[in-house]
Amino acid sequence: MTASVPTSPPLLPPRTLGDGLHVSAIGYGAMGLSHGYGHPLDRAEAIAMLHAVVARGVTLVDTAQVYGPYTNETLVGDALAQLDGATRAQVRVATKFGFHIDDAGREVGLDSTPASIRRTTHASLQRLRVDTIDLLHQHRVDPAVPIEDVAGTVGDLVREGKVRHFGLSEAGVHTIRRAHAVHPVAALQSEYSLWWREPEAALLPLCAELGIGFVPFSPLGRGVLAGSVDATTHFVDGDFRTTLPRFSADNRHANQQLVATVQALAARCGMTPAQLALAWVLAQRPFIVPIPGTTRVARLEENLAAASRTLDADTLATIDAALAAVPVHGDRYAPAAQARIDR
């Protein structure tokens, strides 16, 4: 069955990742449709949401093997397969490898050995219902496997026509340089937002130097910057934010000062807080493509409207000065997860 999605969806401003991956200025993070935030959407609702994403001009959809595991890739593959050929041809899909998932479907560590990359990429191709994956990220750097072996294996998959572009996620400067020397890195995916600005110190300058695109996940602070999470929020069972120190009750209460500051700045700019947060991310570099996720069409449309908003230098300076005076409370990951972040 072919979905009733316009063959010529409204255009979002284009951006380029790496040396040739052309996508919409704002992408879509599909994880929350079936993983990470408690109760997943009904399958039909999730497919309808993905169709709404494409109908509004988004041409980058992000997923991963570990989301589910596997259910998110299958959902994305099935939803996009329902599009007519012309519309489907416009959409680029990013997925990720690198976690070891046991036979019970549990993530039990890292595995980026060449054999695992090949085996899991083949499975991703089947689930995504494609012959070629547009962007394949290493989800987390595996300290047991030289990054040169990882880049070389993905490079072989590119030459075989199974992958178009190589990406990294949460990788540090030294690792990125080593990988890029073996096979060009098209995109780096890391957290970046008004309340997590660490990438500005070294990662964004490195991306500019090497011609690597930057794909921020959680550009809305996992809902905080959009105003959908506050000190009174009750998280449902299975919501992974309950494992994040930044989302403890005390830290959520303390971070309301930051939320209030963002809300005030947004009001001055005639935007919603989510739009200000996304417009700010987009203004930082021309090679940045954020991937906010949502399960609601109204929120999707609100987010995408940020692509048409421009923040001038004076406004950006005002935002920086206002937020510099507001501390952020809580680490973004628990110690075990933080230990997996490459530095």
C-alpha atoms as a PDB file:
ATOM      1  CA  MET A   1       0.000   0.000   0.000  1.00  0.00           C
ATOM      2  CA  THR A   2       1.301   3.453  -0.884  1.00  0.00           C
ATOM      3  CA  ALA A   3       0.900   6.194   1.705  1.00  0.00           C
ATOM      4  CA  SER A   4      -0.932   9.372   0.765  1.00  0.00           C
ATOM      5  CA  VAL A   5       2.078  11.648   1.178  1.00  0.00           C
ATOM      6  CA  PRO A   6       2.625  14.542  -1.255  1.00  0.00           C
ATOM      7  CA  THR A   7       5.149  13.717  -3.978  1.00  0.00           C
ATOM      8  CA  SER A   8       6.520  17.261  -3.687  1.00  0.00           C
ATOM      9  CA  PRO A   9       6.584  18.030   0.049  1.00  0.00           C
ATOM     10  CA  PRO A  10       7.186  21.602   1.201  1.00  0.00           C
ATOM     11  CA  LEU A  11      10.874  22.391   1.157  1.00  0.00           C
ATOM     12  CA  LEU A  12      12.898  23.046   4.269  1.00  0.00           C
ATOM     13  CA  PRO A  13      16.185  24.891   3.772  1.00  0.00           C
ATOM     14  CA  PRO A  14      18.839  22.393   2.641  1.00  0.00           C
ATOM     15  CA  ARG A  15      22.096  21.631   4.386  1.00  0.00           C
ATOM     16  CA  THR A  16      25.006  19.341   3.548  1.00  0.00           C
ATOM     17  CA  LEU A  17      26.705  16.823   5.816  1.00  0.00           C
ATOM     18  CA  GLY A  18      30.257  15.970   4.858  1.00  0.00           C
ATOM     19  CA  ASP A  19      31.120  16.167   1.193  1.00  0.00           C
ATOM     20  CA  GLY A  20      27.755  15.298  -0.296  1.00  0.00           C
ATOM     21  CA  LEU A  21      24.966  14.119   1.987  1.00  0.00           C
ATOM     22  CA  HIS A  22      22.250  16.681   1.208  1.00  0.00           C
ATOM     23  CA  VAL A  23      19.391  16.818   3.726  1.00  0.00           C
ATOM     24  CA  SER A  24      16.819  19.169   5.210  1.00  0.00           C
ATOM     25  CA  ALA A  25      18.128  21.674   7.757  1.00  0.00           C
ATOM     26  CA  ILE A  26      16.161  19.891  10.491  1.00  0.00           C
ATOM     27  CA  GLY A  27      15.972  16.106  10.582  1.00  0.00           C
ATOM     28  CA  TYR A  28      13.865  13.787  12.683  1.00  0.00           C
ATOM     29  CA  GLY A  29      14.970  11.518  15.525  1.00  0.00           C
ATOM     30  CA  ALA A  30      12.694   8.473  15.398  1.00  0.00           C
ATOM     31  CA  MET A  31      13.868   6.827  18.630  1.00  0.00           C
ATOM     32  CA  GLY A  32      10.998   8.056  20.775  1.00  0.00           C
ATOM     33  CA  LEU A  33       8.385   6.429  18.577  1.00  0.00           C
ATOM     34  CA  SER A  34       9.217   3.028  20.017  1.00  0.00           C
ATOM     35  CA  HIS A  35      12.054   3.315  22.512  1.00  0.00           C
ATOM     36  CA  GLY A  36      13.335   5.257  25.474  1.00  0.00           C
ATOM     37  CA  TYR A  37      10.377   7.291  26.652  1.00  0.00           C
ATOM     38  CA  GLY A  38       8.100   4.707  28.188  1.00  0.00           C
ATOM     39  CA  HIS A  39       5.034   3.516  26.328  1.00  0.00           C
ATOM     40  CA  PRO A  40       5.691   3.412  22.560  1.00  0.00           C
ATOM     41  CA  LEU A  41       3.163   4.704  20.083  1.00  0.00           C
ATOM     42  CA  ASP A  42       0.735   2.279  18.547  1.00  0.00           C
ATOM     43  CA  ARG A  43       2.317   0.982  15.351  1.00  0.00           C
ATOM     44  CA  ALA A  44      -0.247   2.633  13.063  1.00  0.00           C
ATOM     45  CA  GLU A  45       0.181   5.943  14.888  1.00  0.00           C
ATOM     46  CA  ALA A  46       3.954   5.720  14.625  1.00  0.00           C
ATOM     47  CA  ILE A  47       3.811   5.031  10.899  1.00  0.00           C
ATOM     48  CA  ALA A  48       1.409   7.943  10.463  1.00  0.00           C
ATOM     49  CA  MET A  49       3.851  10.149  12.370  1.00  0.00           C
ATOM     50  CA  LEU A  50       6.714   9.196  10.090  1.00  0.00           C
ATOM     51  CA  HIS A  51       4.551   9.935   7.072  1.00  0.00           C
ATOM     52  CA  ALA A  52       3.736  13.344   8.569  1.00  0.00           C
ATOM     53  CA  VAL A  53       7.465  13.986   9.008  1.00  0.00           C
ATOM     54  CA  VAL A  54       8.152  13.307   5.341  1.00  0.00           C
ATOM     55  CA  ALA A  55       5.065  15.209   4.180  1.00  0.00           C
ATOM     56  CA  ARG A  56       6.468  18.319   5.871  1.00  0.00           C
ATOM     57  CA  GLY A  57       9.737  18.185   4.003  1.00  0.00           C
ATOM     58  CA  VAL A  58      12.066  16.397   6.419  1.00  0.00           C
ATOM     59  CA  THR A  59      14.601  14.350   4.459  1.00  0.00           C
ATOM     60  CA  LEU A  60      16.788  12.915   7.254  1.00  0.00           C
ATOM     61  CA  VAL A  61      15.349  10.248   9.560  1.00  0.00           C
ATOM     62  CA  ASP A  62      17.575   8.893  12.328  1.00  0.00           C
ATOM     63  CA  THR A  63      17.276   5.471  13.964  1.00  0.00           C
ATOM     64  CA  ALA A  64      19.585   2.802  15.448  1.00  0.00           C
ATOM     65  CA  GLN A  65      19.890  -0.934  15.923  1.00  0.00           C
ATOM     66  CA  VAL A  66      19.716  -0.648  19.709  1.00  0.00           C
ATOM     67  CA  TYR A  67      16.440   1.283  19.732  1.00  0.00           C
ATOM     68  CA  GLY A  68      14.108  -1.484  20.763  1.00  0.00           C
ATOM     69  CA  PRO A  69      16.402  -3.254  20.059  1.00  0.00           C
ATOM     70  CA  TYR A  70      15.571  -3.478  16.370  1.00  0.00           C
ATOM     71  CA  THR A  71      11.923  -2.406  16.544  1.00  0.00           C
ATOM     72  CA  ASN A  72      12.688   1.198  15.605  1.00  0.00           C
ATOM     73  CA  GLU A  73      14.629   0.248  12.483  1.00  0.00           C
ATOM     74  CA  THR A  74      11.799  -2.051  11.425  1.00  0.00           C
ATOM     75  CA  LEU A  75       9.239   0.684  12.035  1.00  0.00           C
ATOM     76  CA  VAL A  76      11.196   3.225   9.981  1.00  0.00           C
ATOM     77  CA  GLY A  77      11.755   0.729   7.187  1.00  0.00           C
ATOM     78  CA  ASP A  78       8.115  -0.288   6.999  1.00  0.00           C
ATOM     79  CA  ALA A  79       6.828   3.307   7.126  1.00  0.00           C
ATOM     80  CA  LEU A  80       9.148   4.580   4.412  1.00  0.00           C
ATOM     81  CA  ALA A  81       8.481   1.556   2.204  1.00  0.00           C
ATOM     82  CA  GLN A  82       4.843   2.671   2.011  1.00  0.00           C
ATOM     83  CA  LEU A  83       5.772   5.958   0.326  1.00  0.00           C
ATOM     84  CA  ASP A  84       5.523   6.391  -3.406  1.00  0.00           C
ATOM     85  CA  GLY A  85       8.831   6.052  -5.204  1.00  0.00           C
ATOM     86  CA  ALA A  86       9.477   9.728  -5.842  1.00  0.00           C
ATOM     87  CA  THR A  87       8.872  10.707  -2.231  1.00  0.00           C
ATOM     88  CA  ARG A  88      10.878   7.800  -0.811  1.00  0.00           C
ATOM     89  CA  ALA A  89      13.820   8.761  -3.003  1.00  0.00           C
ATOM     90  CA  GLN A  90      14.090  12.105  -1.222  1.00  0.00           C
ATOM     91  CA  VAL A  91      14.500  10.620   2.265  1.00  0.00           C
ATOM     92  CA  ARG A  92      17.882   9.745   3.746  1.00  0.00           C
ATOM     93  CA  VAL A  93      18.064   7.282   6.632  1.00  0.00           C
ATOM     94  CA  ALA A  94      20.769   7.185   9.281  1.00  0.00           C
ATOM     95  CA  THR A  95      21.251   4.211  11.566  1.00  0.00           C
ATOM     96  CA  LYS A  96      23.907   3.071  14.022  1.00  0.00           C
ATOM     97  CA  PHE A  97      25.856  -0.036  14.998  1.00  0.00           C
ATOM     98  CA  GLY A  98      28.187  -0.824  17.864  1.00  0.00           C
ATOM     99  CA  PHE A  99      26.236  -2.286  20.775  1.00  0.00           C
ATOM    100  CA  HIS A 100      26.307  -6.005  21.511  1.00  0.00           C
ATOM    101  CA  ILE A 101      22.743  -7.265  21.805  1.00  0.00           C
ATOM    102  CA  ASP A 102      22.275 -10.735  23.231  1.00  0.00           C
ATOM    103  CA  ASP A 103      19.758 -13.369  22.138  1.00  0.00           C
ATOM    104  CA  ALA A 104      17.258 -12.056  24.698  1.00  0.00           C
ATOM    105  CA  GLY A 105      17.333  -8.627  23.085  1.00  0.00           C
ATOM    106  CA  ARG A 106      19.353  -6.980  25.838  1.00  0.00           C
ATOM    107  CA  GLU A 107      22.163  -4.513  25.234  1.00  0.00           C
ATOM    108  CA  VAL A 108      25.118  -6.029  27.077  1.00  0.00           C
ATOM    109  CA  GLY A 109      28.136  -4.020  25.976  1.00  0.00           C
ATOM    110  CA  LEU A 110      29.991  -2.704  22.968  1.00  0.00           C
ATOM    111  CA  ASP A 111      31.031  -4.602  19.836  1.00  0.00           C
ATOM    112  CA  SER A 112      32.504  -2.865  16.813  1.00  0.00           C
ATOM    113  CA  THR A 113      34.592  -5.744  15.548  1.00  0.00           C
ATOM    114  CA  PRO A 114      34.643  -5.908  11.740  1.00  0.00           C
ATOM    115  CA  ALA A 115      32.657  -9.155  11.757  1.00  0.00           C
ATOM    116  CA  SER A 116      29.987  -7.603  13.942  1.00  0.00           C
ATOM    117  CA  ILE A 117      29.784  -4.461  11.795  1.00  0.00           C
ATOM    118  CA  ARG A 118      29.233  -6.567   8.691  1.00  0.00           C
ATOM    119  CA  ARG A 119      26.707  -8.885  10.311  1.00  0.00           C
ATOM    120  CA  THR A 120      24.644  -6.159  11.956  1.00  0.00           C
ATOM    121  CA  THR A 121      24.730  -3.871   8.925  1.00  0.00           C
ATOM    122  CA  HIS A 122      23.329  -6.669   6.788  1.00  0.00           C
ATOM    123  CA  ALA A 123      20.512  -7.078   9.326  1.00  0.00           C
ATOM    124  CA  SER A 124      19.871  -3.316   9.322  1.00  0.00           C
ATOM    125  CA  LEU A 125      19.569  -3.352   5.544  1.00  0.00           C
ATOM    126  CA  GLN A 126      16.859  -5.988   5.848  1.00  0.00           C
ATOM    127  CA  ARG A 127      14.953  -4.167   8.571  1.00  0.00           C
ATOM    128  CA  LEU A 128      15.176  -0.817   6.793  1.00  0.00           C
ATOM    129  CA  ARG A 129      14.151  -2.473   3.519  1.00  0.00           C
ATOM    130  CA  VAL A 130      16.886  -0.791   1.519  1.00  0.00           C
ATOM    131  CA  ASP A 131      19.863  -1.841  -0.556  1.00  0.00           C
ATOM    132  CA  THR A 132      22.064   0.950   0.786  1.00  0.00           C
ATOM    133  CA  ILE A 133      22.155   2.755   4.136  1.00  0.00           C
ATOM    134  CA  ASP A 134      22.604   6.488   3.588  1.00  0.00           C
ATOM    135  CA  LEU A 135      24.516   7.212   6.807  1.00  0.00           C
ATOM    136  CA  LEU A 136      25.962   4.546   9.103  1.00  0.00           C
ATOM    137  CA  HIS A 137      27.228   5.748  12.498  1.00  0.00           C
ATOM    138  CA  GLN A 138      29.297   3.923  15.041  1.00  0.00           C
ATOM    139  CA  HIS A 139      26.954   4.449  18.022  1.00  0.00           C
ATOM    140  CA  ARG A 140      29.687   4.487  20.658  1.00  0.00           C
ATOM    141  CA  VAL A 141      33.439   4.184  20.292  1.00  0.00           C
ATOM    142  CA  ASP A 142      34.577   0.674  21.232  1.00  0.00           C
ATOM    143  CA  PRO A 143      37.905   0.928  23.086  1.00  0.00           C
ATOM    144  CA  ALA A 144      38.614  -2.737  22.340  1.00  0.00           C
ATOM    145  CA  VAL A 145      38.647  -2.178  18.553  1.00  0.00           C
ATOM    146  CA  PRO A 146      41.020   0.263  16.822  1.00  0.00           C
ATOM    147  CA  ILE A 147      39.007   2.979  15.134  1.00  0.00           C
ATOM    148  CA  GLU A 148      41.075   2.373  12.009  1.00  0.00           C
ATOM    149  CA  ASP A 149      39.539  -1.104  11.787  1.00  0.00           C
ATOM    150  CA  VAL A 150      36.067   0.352  12.186  1.00  0.00           C
ATOM    151  CA  ALA A 151      36.590   3.030   9.536  1.00  0.00           C
ATOM    152  CA  GLY A 152      38.191   0.518   7.196  1.00  0.00           C
ATOM    153  CA  THR A 153      35.288  -1.898   7.523  1.00  0.00           C
ATOM    154  CA  VAL A 154      32.684   0.786   6.886  1.00  0.00           C
ATOM    155  CA  GLY A 155      34.805   2.007   3.983  1.00  0.00           C
ATOM    156  CA  ASP A 156      34.652  -1.487   2.505  1.00  0.00           C
ATOM    157  CA  LEU A 157      30.858  -1.443   2.904  1.00  0.00           C
ATOM    158  CA  VAL A 158      30.760   1.890   1.078  1.00  0.00           C
ATOM    159  CA  ARG A 159      32.779   0.466  -1.800  1.00  0.00           C
ATOM    160  CA  GLU A 160      30.431  -2.533  -1.900  1.00  0.00           C
ATOM    161  CA  GLY A 161      27.430  -0.222  -2.233  1.00  0.00           C
ATOM    162  CA  LYS A 162      25.866  -1.184   1.111  1.00  0.00           C
ATOM    163  CA  VAL A 163      26.565   2.165   2.791  1.00  0.00           C
ATOM    164  CA  ARG A 164      26.872   5.684   1.374  1.00  0.00           C
ATOM    165  CA  HIS A 165      28.385   7.683   4.227  1.00  0.00           C
ATOM    166  CA  PHE A 166      30.258   6.951   7.466  1.00  0.00           C
ATOM    167  CA  GLY A 167      29.422   8.657  10.754  1.00  0.00           C
ATOM    168  CA  LEU A 168      30.503   8.613  14.369  1.00  0.00           C
ATOM    169  CA  SER A 169      28.545   9.289  17.554  1.00  0.00           C
ATOM    170  CA  GLU A 170      29.905  10.702  20.825  1.00  0.00           C
ATOM    171  CA  ALA A 171      33.459  10.418  19.515  1.00  0.00           C
ATOM    172  CA  GLY A 172      36.362  12.557  20.692  1.00  0.00           C
ATOM    173  CA  VAL A 173      38.737  14.680  18.636  1.00  0.00           C
ATOM    174  CA  HIS A 174      41.599  12.162  18.492  1.00  0.00           C
ATOM    175  CA  THR A 175      39.301   9.318  17.447  1.00  0.00           C
ATOM    176  CA  ILE A 176      37.644  11.421  14.757  1.00  0.00           C
ATOM    177  CA  ARG A 177      40.993  12.395  13.239  1.00  0.00           C
ATOM    178  CA  ARG A 178      42.168   8.785  13.165  1.00  0.00           C
ATOM    179  CA  ALA A 179      38.923   7.566  11.600  1.00  0.00           C
ATOM    180  CA  HIS A 180      38.816  10.362   9.030  1.00  0.00           C
ATOM    181  CA  ALA A 181      42.353   9.515   7.896  1.00  0.00           C
ATOM    182  CA  VAL A 182      41.149   6.037   6.914  1.00  0.00           C
ATOM    183  CA  HIS A 183      37.711   6.868   5.484  1.00  0.00           C
ATOM    184  CA  PRO A 184      35.982  10.274   5.328  1.00  0.00           C
ATOM    185  CA  VAL A 185      33.636  10.906   8.233  1.00  0.00           C
ATOM    186  CA  ALA A 186      30.513  12.604   6.886  1.00  0.00           C
ATOM    187  CA  ALA A 187      28.808  13.364  10.179  1.00  0.00           C
ATOM    188  CA  LEU A 188      29.366  13.389  13.907  1.00  0.00           C
ATOM    189  CA  GLN A 189      26.333  12.864  16.108  1.00  0.00           C
ATOM    190  CA  SER A 190      26.558  14.190  19.657  1.00  0.00           C
ATOM    191  CA  GLU A 191      24.354  15.954  22.158  1.00  0.00           C
ATOM    192  CA  TYR A 192      24.284  19.746  21.729  1.00  0.00           C
ATOM    193  CA  SER A 193      21.798  22.335  22.919  1.00  0.00           C
ATOM    194  CA  LEU A 194      21.366  25.487  24.933  1.00  0.00           C
ATOM    195  CA  TRP A 195      22.054  23.441  28.061  1.00  0.00           C
ATOM    196  CA  TRP A 196      24.887  21.232  26.766  1.00  0.00           C
ATOM    197  CA  ARG A 197      27.504  23.251  24.914  1.00  0.00           C
ATOM    198  CA  GLU A 198      30.646  21.168  25.371  1.00  0.00           C
ATOM    199  CA  PRO A 199      30.984  20.474  21.608  1.00  0.00           C
ATOM    200  CA  GLU A 200      31.821  24.140  21.045  1.00  0.00           C
ATOM    201  CA  ALA A 201      35.243  23.752  22.649  1.00  0.00           C
ATOM    202  CA  ALA A 202      36.802  21.274  20.218  1.00  0.00           C
ATOM    203  CA  LEU A 203      34.286  19.235  18.217  1.00  0.00           C
ATOM    204  CA  LEU A 204      32.686  22.020  16.178  1.00  0.00           C
ATOM    205  CA  PRO A 205      36.042  23.562  15.224  1.00  0.00           C
ATOM    206  CA  LEU A 206      37.283  20.107  14.197  1.00  0.00           C
ATOM    207  CA  CYS A 207      34.179  19.501  12.076  1.00  0.00           C
ATOM    208  CA  ALA A 208      34.745  22.849  10.356  1.00  0.00           C
ATOM    209  CA  GLU A 209      38.393  21.979   9.735  1.00  0.00           C
ATOM    210  CA  LEU A 210      37.739  18.518   8.290  1.00  0.00           C
ATOM    211  CA  GLY A 211      34.455  19.217   6.481  1.00  0.00           C
ATOM    212  CA  ILE A 212      32.390  16.970   8.756  1.00  0.00           C
ATOM    213  CA  GLY A 213      28.708  17.613   9.368  1.00  0.00           C
ATOM    214  CA  PHE A 214      27.378  17.819  12.918  1.00  0.00           C
ATOM    215  CA  VAL A 215      24.071  16.207  13.894  1.00  0.00           C
ATOM    216  CA  PRO A 216      22.960  17.238  17.401  1.00  0.00           C
ATOM    217  CA  PHE A 217      20.635  14.871  19.195  1.00  0.00           C
ATOM    218  CA  SER A 218      18.471  16.156  22.060  1.00  0.00           C
ATOM    219  CA  PRO A 219      18.604  19.762  20.799  1.00  0.00           C
ATOM    220  CA  LEU A 220      15.566  20.436  23.000  1.00  0.00           C
ATOM    221  CA  GLY A 221      17.174  19.018  26.122  1.00  0.00           C
ATOM    222  CA  ARG A 222      15.007  15.863  26.052  1.00  0.00           C
ATOM    223  CA  GLY A 223      11.921  18.064  26.436  1.00  0.00           C
ATOM    224  CA  VAL A 224      13.164  20.490  29.073  1.00  0.00           C
ATOM    225  CA  LEU A 225      13.921  23.370  26.706  1.00  0.00           C
ATOM    226  CA  ALA A 226      10.563  22.912  24.993  1.00  0.00           C
ATOM    227  CA  GLY A 227       8.802  23.314  28.338  1.00  0.00           C
ATOM    228  CA  SER A 228       7.344  19.813  28.394  1.00  0.00           C
ATOM    229  CA  VAL A 229       9.328  18.707  31.472  1.00  0.00           C
ATOM    230  CA  ASP A 230       9.351  20.497  34.805  1.00  0.00           C
ATOM    231  CA  ALA A 231       9.771  19.785  38.495  1.00  0.00           C
ATOM    232  CA  THR A 232       6.319  18.183  38.711  1.00  0.00           C
ATOM    233  CA  THR A 233       6.678  15.855  35.722  1.00  0.00           C
ATOM    234  CA  HIS A 234       5.936  12.195  36.438  1.00  0.00           C
ATOM    235  CA  PHE A 235       7.879   9.851  34.169  1.00  0.00           C
ATOM    236  CA  VAL A 236       6.167   6.611  33.150  1.00  0.00           C
ATOM    237  CA  ASP A 237       7.814   3.234  33.591  1.00  0.00           C
ATOM    238  CA  GLY A 238      10.480   2.676  30.969  1.00  0.00           C
ATOM    239  CA  ASP A 239      11.329   6.352  30.457  1.00  0.00           C
ATOM    240  CA  PHE A 240      15.122   6.371  30.334  1.00  0.00           C
ATOM    241  CA  ARG A 241      15.272   9.934  31.661  1.00  0.00           C
ATOM    242  CA  THR A 242      14.766   8.443  35.126  1.00  0.00           C
ATOM    243  CA  THR A 243      18.357   7.161  34.818  1.00  0.00           C
ATOM    244  CA  LEU A 244      19.821  10.584  34.007  1.00  0.00           C
ATOM    245  CA  PRO A 245      21.112  12.688  36.912  1.00  0.00           C
ATOM    246  CA  ARG A 246      19.986  15.876  35.207  1.00  0.00           C
ATOM    247  CA  PHE A 247      16.393  14.643  35.493  1.00  0.00           C
ATOM    248  CA  SER A 248      16.312  13.917  39.193  1.00  0.00           C
ATOM    249  CA  ALA A 249      13.556  15.768  41.011  1.00  0.00           C
ATOM    250  CA  ASP A 250      16.016  18.126  42.709  1.00  0.00           C
ATOM    251  CA  ASN A 251      17.854  18.924  39.486  1.00  0.00           C
ATOM    252  CA  ARG A 252      14.648  19.440  37.522  1.00  0.00           C
ATOM    253  CA  HIS A 253      13.565  21.916  40.162  1.00  0.00           C
ATOM    254  CA  ALA A 254      16.935  23.696  40.091  1.00  0.00           C
ATOM    255  CA  ASN A 255      16.973  23.837  36.273  1.00  0.00           C
ATOM    256  CA  GLN A 256      13.681  25.712  36.117  1.00  0.00           C
ATOM    257  CA  GLN A 257      15.732  28.900  36.278  1.00  0.00           C
ATOM    258  CA  LEU A 258      17.246  27.975  32.923  1.00  0.00           C
ATOM    259  CA  VAL A 259      13.818  27.097  31.517  1.00  0.00           C
ATOM    260  CA  ALA A 260      12.422  30.432  32.627  1.00  0.00           C
ATOM    261  CA  THR A 261      15.342  32.242  31.002  1.00  0.00           C
ATOM    262  CA  VAL A 262      14.777  30.432  27.695  1.00  0.00           C
ATOM    263  CA  GLN A 263      11.056  31.188  27.861  1.00  0.00           C
ATOM    264  CA  ALA A 264      11.720  34.889  28.401  1.00  0.00           C
ATOM    265  CA  LEU A 265      14.225  35.031  25.535  1.00  0.00           C
ATOM    266  CA  ALA A 266      11.824  33.214  23.239  1.00  0.00           C
ATOM    267  CA  ALA A 267       9.008  35.617  24.041  1.00  0.00           C
ATOM    268  CA  ARG A 268      11.270  38.560  23.168  1.00  0.00           C
ATOM    269  CA  CYS A 269      12.011  36.925  19.796  1.00  0.00           C
ATOM    270  CA  GLY A 270       8.384  36.053  19.043  1.00  0.00           C
ATOM    271  CA  MET A 271       9.100  32.326  19.122  1.00  0.00           C
ATOM    272  CA  THR A 272       8.216  29.360  21.263  1.00  0.00           C
ATOM    273  CA  PRO A 273      11.014  28.077  23.512  1.00  0.00           C
ATOM    274  CA  ALA A 274      11.481  25.052  21.243  1.00  0.00           C
ATOM    275  CA  GLN A 275      11.818  27.265  18.189  1.00  0.00           C
ATOM    276  CA  LEU A 276      14.372  29.481  19.907  1.00  0.00           C
ATOM    277  CA  ALA A 277      16.386  26.427  20.984  1.00  0.00           C
ATOM    278  CA  LEU A 278      16.433  25.012  17.455  1.00  0.00           C
ATOM    279  CA  ALA A 279      17.048  28.349  15.727  1.00  0.00           C
ATOM    280  CA  TRP A 280      19.980  28.897  18.087  1.00  0.00           C
ATOM    281  CA  VAL A 281      21.495  25.494  17.232  1.00  0.00           C
ATOM    282  CA  LEU A 282      21.060  26.136  13.507  1.00  0.00           C
ATOM    283  CA  ALA A 283      22.758  29.522  13.835  1.00  0.00           C
ATOM    284  CA  GLN A 284      25.957  28.078  15.285  1.00  0.00           C
ATOM    285  CA  ARG A 285      27.347  26.526  12.074  1.00  0.00           C
ATOM    286  CA  PRO A 286      26.037  25.999   8.519  1.00  0.00           C
ATOM    287  CA  PHE A 287      26.867  22.277   8.686  1.00  0.00           C
ATOM    288  CA  ILE A 288      24.650  21.551  11.712  1.00  0.00           C
ATOM    289  CA  VAL A 289      21.463  19.484  11.254  1.00  0.00           C
ATOM    290  CA  PRO A 290      19.590  18.884  14.527  1.00  0.00           C
ATOM    291  CA  ILE A 291      17.317  15.853  14.876  1.00  0.00           C
ATOM    292  CA  PRO A 292      14.579  16.640  17.392  1.00  0.00           C
ATOM    293  CA  GLY A 293      12.089  13.868  18.020  1.00  0.00           C
ATOM    294  CA  THR A 294       8.414  14.106  18.803  1.00  0.00           C
ATOM    295  CA  THR A 295       5.312  11.938  18.679  1.00  0.00           C
ATOM    296  CA  ARG A 296       2.923  14.826  17.983  1.00  0.00           C
ATOM    297  CA  VAL A 297       2.309  16.521  14.643  1.00  0.00           C
ATOM    298  CA  ALA A 298       1.690  19.907  16.278  1.00  0.00           C
ATOM    299  CA  ARG A 299       5.105  19.741  17.954  1.00  0.00           C
ATOM    300  CA  LEU A 300       6.677  18.629  14.676  1.00  0.00           C
ATOM    301  CA  GLU A 301       5.279  21.670  12.877  1.00  0.00           C
ATOM    302  CA  GLU A 302       6.392  23.930  15.718  1.00  0.00           C
ATOM    303  CA  ASN A 303       9.918  22.525  15.509  1.00  0.00           C
ATOM    304  CA  LEU A 304      10.204  22.772  11.748  1.00  0.00           C
ATOM    305  CA  ALA A 305       9.116  26.414  11.780  1.00  0.00           C
ATOM    306  CA  ALA A 306      12.438  27.181  13.467  1.00  0.00           C
ATOM    307  CA  ALA A 307      14.242  26.528  10.179  1.00  0.00           C
ATOM    308  CA  SER A 308      12.782  29.731   8.749  1.00  0.00           C
ATOM    309  CA  ARG A 309      13.796  31.889  11.729  1.00  0.00           C
ATOM    310  CA  THR A 310      17.085  33.769  11.787  1.00  0.00           C
ATOM    311  CA  LEU A 311      18.814  35.025  14.898  1.00  0.00           C
ATOM    312  CA  ASP A 312      21.069  38.020  14.289  1.00  0.00           C
ATOM    313  CA  ALA A 313      24.418  38.540  15.991  1.00  0.00           C
ATOM    314  CA  ASP A 314      23.022  40.861  18.651  1.00  0.00           C
ATOM    315  CA  THR A 315      20.290  38.369  19.573  1.00  0.00           C
ATOM    316  CA  LEU A 316      22.782  35.510  19.732  1.00  0.00           C
ATOM    317  CA  ALA A 317      25.002  37.584  22.009  1.00  0.00           C
ATOM    318  CA  THR A 318      22.020  38.361  24.247  1.00  0.00           C
ATOM    319  CA  ILE A 319      21.149  34.666  24.491  1.00  0.00           C
ATOM    320  CA  ASP A 320      24.726  33.739  25.315  1.00  0.00           C
ATOM    321  CA  ALA A 321      25.005  36.376  28.014  1.00  0.00           C
ATOM    322  CA  ALA A 322      21.677  35.441  29.597  1.00  0.00           C
ATOM    323  CA  LEU A 323      22.416  31.732  29.737  1.00  0.00           C
ATOM    324  CA  ALA A 324      25.995  32.184  30.914  1.00  0.00           C
ATOM    325  CA  ALA A 325      24.544  33.513  34.150  1.00  0.00           C
ATOM    326  CA  VAL A 326      22.397  30.420  34.729  1.00  0.00           C
ATOM    327  CA  PRO A 327      24.052  27.207  35.989  1.00  0.00           C
ATOM    328  CA  VAL A 328      22.939  23.808  34.711  1.00  0.00           C
ATOM    329  CA  HIS A 329      22.418  21.235  37.444  1.00  0.00           C
ATOM    330  CA  GLY A 330      23.164  17.524  37.061  1.00  0.00           C
ATOM    331  CA  ASP A 331      25.320  15.353  34.822  1.00  0.00           C
ATOM    332  CA  ARG A 332      23.784  14.304  31.539  1.00  0.00           C
ATOM    333  CA  TYR A 333      24.502  10.573  32.072  1.00  0.00           C
ATOM    334  CA  ALA A 334      24.974   8.228  34.996  1.00  0.00           C
ATOM    335  CA  PRO A 335      28.623   7.197  35.546  1.00  0.00           C
ATOM    336  CA  ALA A 336      28.436   3.878  33.653  1.00  0.00           C
ATOM    337  CA  ALA A 337      26.956   5.508  30.552  1.00  0.00           C
ATOM    338  CA  GLN A 338      29.275   8.490  30.847  1.00  0.00           C
ATOM    339  CA  ALA A 339      32.227   6.113  30.784  1.00  0.00           C
ATOM    340  CA  ARG A 340      31.255   5.129  27.247  1.00  0.00           C
ATOM    341  CA  ILE A 341      31.662   8.661  25.940  1.00  0.00           C
ATOM    342  CA  ASP A 342      34.915   8.925  24.015  1.00  0.00           C
ATOM    343  CA  ARG A 343      37.220  11.803  24.912  1.00  0.00           C
END
